Amino acid sequence: MLWRFSRKFSLARGNSTRSLRDRCANDKRFKMKIKLGLVALLAFCFMSAPVLASKLSEKLIEDAKEACVTGEKGKFDQGRNAITTVDLNGDKTVEEIIDSSKFTCSTSKTLYCAAGGCPITVIVNDKPTEFLAHKWRVVDWDGQKILLLSIHHSACGDDSGPCFSAFVLTDKGFRSVADK
């Protein structure tokens, strides 16, 4: 089959008797494309590799699993991207963010999250800080990382509408307007 295709390709291109395989083997651009493709594939594999979790984050996830399996007699699933690493304060050391909204327990819909949100645990220097949020995101504002949380509307003092809280990590811990 390949011989037929390469032969047809050779005949269609003119009087060249070289096969497609010979042309590809000798073409420097083709070789470079193959090498670049392999490099891109390897980079993708390493970038999509799971995050290596600290002992504390592993313990938090194990506790969540135990609550499901032992307490609720269900099947636990950690979910994708339950642990995110990001350098929040620019010290070249990554902090871990454990998002319990990614956890599921087959026998309980509200084991990890409720109307107020889901626990988001940020581990800085092996010390956990827990927030309650519906969603979260890290925003880069001129090089300063800001942890932005979508929180329950009651925290803004009303009955409806969006409510957000922003935190920056300093030497003394998390700082926000709410700290006044």
Protein backbone atom coordinates (compact mmCIF):
# COMPACT_ATOMS: atom_id res chain seq x y z
CA MET A 1 0.00 0.00 0.00
CA LEU A 2 2.75 2.47 0.93
CA TRP A 3 4.67 1.46 -2.18
CA ARG A 4 1.62 2.17 -4.37
CA PHE A 5 1.07 5.55 -2.75
CA SER A 6 4.71 6.55 -2.96
CA ARG A 7 4.91 5.31 -6.55
CA LYS A 8 1.79 7.28 -7.51
CA PHE A 9 3.20 10.32 -5.72
CA SER A 10 6.47 9.96 -7.63
CA LEU A 11 4.70 9.67 -10.97
CA ALA A 12 2.37 12.55 -10.21
CA ARG A 13 5.31 14.84 -9.44
CA GLY A 14 7.07 14.25 -12.73
CA ASN A 15 9.97 12.09 -13.79
CA SER A 16 11.41 11.71 -10.32
CA THR A 17 11.97 8.08 -9.48
CA ARG A 18 12.66 8.69 -5.80
CA SER A 19 9.96 7.34 -3.55
CA LEU A 20 8.16 9.42 -0.95
CA ARG A 21 10.05 7.58 1.75
CA ASP A 22 13.40 8.50 0.19
CA ARG A 23 12.39 12.12 -0.17
CA CYS A 24 11.25 12.35 3.45
CA ALA A 25 14.42 10.71 4.72
CA ASN A 26 16.64 13.19 2.88
CA ASP A 27 14.59 16.32 3.39
CA LYS A 28 16.15 18.43 6.18
CA ARG A 29 12.95 20.39 6.71
CA PHE A 30 11.00 17.16 7.19
CA LYS A 31 13.54 15.93 9.73
CA MET A 32 13.34 19.24 11.61
CA LYS A 33 9.53 19.05 11.67
CA ILE A 34 9.72 15.55 13.14
CA LYS A 35 12.20 16.70 15.81
CA LEU A 36 10.08 19.74 16.70
CA GLY A 37 6.99 17.54 16.87
CA LEU A 38 8.71 15.17 19.29
CA VAL A 39 9.91 18.07 21.45
CA ALA A 40 6.36 19.50 21.53
CA LEU A 41 4.95 16.08 22.46
CA LEU A 42 7.46 15.66 25.30
CA ALA A 43 6.78 19.18 26.57
CA PHE A 44 3.03 18.48 26.55
CA CYS A 45 3.56 15.25 28.48
CA PHE A 46 5.62 16.99 31.17
CA MET A 47 3.25 19.96 31.41
CA SER A 48 0.23 17.71 31.86
CA ALA A 49 1.95 15.53 34.44
CA PRO A 50 0.22 15.47 37.81
CA VAL A 51 1.38 17.95 40.44
CA LEU A 52 3.58 16.42 43.11
CA ALA A 53 1.65 16.97 46.31
CA SER A 54 3.14 17.85 49.67
CA LYS A 55 2.54 15.60 52.65
CA LEU A 56 0.05 18.08 54.06
CA SER A 57 -2.02 18.23 50.87
CA GLU A 58 -1.91 14.44 50.60
CA LYS A 59 -3.20 14.28 54.21
CA LEU A 60 -6.04 16.73 53.45
CA ILE A 61 -7.08 14.68 50.44
CA GLU A 62 -6.80 11.46 52.41
CA ASP A 63 -9.05 12.97 55.12
CA ALA A 64 -11.60 13.94 52.44
CA LYS A 65 -11.46 10.40 51.06
CA GLU A 66 -11.91 8.90 54.51
CA ALA A 67 -14.96 11.11 55.16
CA CYS A 68 -16.55 9.71 52.00
CA VAL A 69 -15.52 6.07 52.26
CA THR A 70 -15.86 5.58 56.02
CA GLY A 71 -18.45 8.18 56.99
CA GLU A 72 -20.71 8.07 53.94
CA LYS A 73 -19.90 4.54 52.66
CA GLY A 74 -19.31 5.99 49.20
CA LYS A 75 -16.71 6.06 46.48
CA PHE A 76 -14.32 9.04 46.52
CA ASP A 77 -12.95 10.77 43.45
CA GLN A 78 -10.34 13.50 43.80
CA GLY A 79 -11.15 14.92 40.38
CA ARG A 80 -8.86 16.64 37.93
CA ASN A 81 -6.83 19.65 39.03
CA ALA A 82 -7.76 19.38 42.70
CA ILE A 83 -4.26 20.61 43.52
CA THR A 84 -2.89 23.72 41.84
CA THR A 85 0.56 25.13 42.43
CA VAL A 86 1.34 28.82 41.99
CA ASP A 87 3.88 31.27 43.40
CA LEU A 88 1.56 33.74 45.13
CA ASN A 89 4.16 36.04 46.67
CA GLY A 90 7.04 36.04 44.17
CA ASP A 91 9.51 34.20 46.41
CA LYS A 92 10.17 31.53 43.72
CA THR A 93 8.48 28.91 45.95
CA VAL A 94 5.14 27.55 44.85
CA GLU A 95 2.18 27.42 47.15
CA GLU A 96 -0.44 24.68 46.88
CA ILE A 97 -4.14 25.36 46.48
CA ILE A 98 -6.43 22.41 47.24
CA ASP A 99 -9.86 22.92 45.71
CA SER A 100 -12.39 20.65 47.39
CA SER A 101 -15.02 21.52 44.76
CA LYS A 102 -13.20 18.98 42.59
CA PHE A 103 -13.89 16.18 45.13
CA THR A 104 -16.91 13.94 44.71
CA CYS A 105 -18.45 11.28 46.92
CA SER A 106 -20.86 8.88 45.25
CA THR A 107 -23.28 8.86 48.20
CA SER A 108 -23.34 12.56 49.12
CA LYS A 109 -23.75 15.66 46.96
CA THR A 110 -23.00 18.10 49.79
CA LEU A 111 -20.16 16.41 51.66
CA TYR A 112 -17.52 18.89 50.49
CA CYS A 113 -19.53 21.92 49.34
CA ALA A 114 -22.72 23.64 50.47
CA ALA A 115 -24.62 26.87 49.80
CA GLY A 116 -21.78 28.91 51.29
CA GLY A 117 -19.24 27.44 48.91
CA CYS A 118 -16.43 24.91 49.06
CA PRO A 119 -13.28 24.92 51.18
CA ILE A 120 -10.23 26.20 49.32
CA THR A 121 -7.07 25.41 51.27
CA VAL A 122 -3.87 27.30 50.49
CA ILE A 123 -0.68 25.77 51.86
CA VAL A 124 2.15 28.23 52.46
CA ASN A 125 5.33 26.92 54.11
CA ASP A 126 3.47 23.82 55.35
CA LYS A 127 0.78 25.97 57.02
CA PRO A 128 -2.79 25.69 55.70
CA THR A 129 -5.16 28.64 55.36
CA GLU A 130 -8.75 27.79 54.51
CA PHE A 131 -11.20 29.96 52.59
CA LEU A 132 -14.81 29.28 51.66
CA ALA A 133 -15.66 30.11 48.05
CA HIS A 134 -17.89 29.15 45.15
CA LYS A 135 -15.09 29.75 42.63
CA TRP A 136 -11.57 31.11 42.75
CA ARG A 137 -8.84 32.31 40.47
CA VAL A 138 -5.35 33.77 40.74
CA VAL A 139 -5.01 37.08 38.91
CA ASP A 140 -1.69 38.64 37.94
CA TRP A 141 -1.85 42.42 38.33
CA ASP A 142 1.46 43.97 37.24
CA GLY A 143 3.42 41.06 38.71
CA GLN A 144 1.45 40.89 41.95
CA LYS A 145 -0.56 37.68 42.32
CA ILE A 146 -4.03 38.16 43.78
CA LEU A 147 -6.22 35.31 45.03
CA LEU A 148 -9.73 36.28 43.95
CA LEU A 149 -12.62 34.42 45.56
CA SER A 150 -16.27 34.38 44.53
CA ILE A 151 -18.02 34.13 47.88
CA HIS A 152 -21.55 33.91 49.24
CA HIS A 153 -23.59 37.08 48.73
CA SER A 154 -24.26 37.39 52.48
CA ALA A 155 -20.61 38.36 53.01
CA CYS A 156 -21.37 41.59 51.10
CA GLY A 157 -24.35 42.31 53.32
CA ASP A 158 -27.18 41.73 50.86
CA ASP A 159 -29.57 39.03 49.74
CA SER A 160 -28.38 38.52 46.18
CA GLY A 161 -25.83 39.41 43.59
CA PRO A 162 -22.17 38.59 43.15
CA CYS A 163 -19.69 39.08 45.96
CA PHE A 164 -15.91 38.83 45.74
CA SER A 165 -12.98 38.95 48.10
CA ALA A 166 -9.35 39.53 47.11
CA PHE A 167 -6.22 38.44 49.01
CA VAL A 168 -2.50 38.98 48.53
CA LEU A 169 0.16 36.91 50.25
CA THR A 170 2.71 38.90 52.25
CA ASP A 171 5.43 37.98 54.75
CA LYS A 172 2.79 38.13 57.48
CA GLY A 173 0.22 35.96 55.67
CA PHE A 174 -2.82 36.79 53.58
CA ARG A 175 -3.92 40.39 53.45
CA SER A 176 -7.25 41.85 52.36
CA VAL A 177 -9.44 44.92 52.86
CA ALA A 178 -11.47 42.77 55.25
CA ASP A 179 -8.46 42.79 57.61
CA LYS A 180 -9.09 46.45 58.64
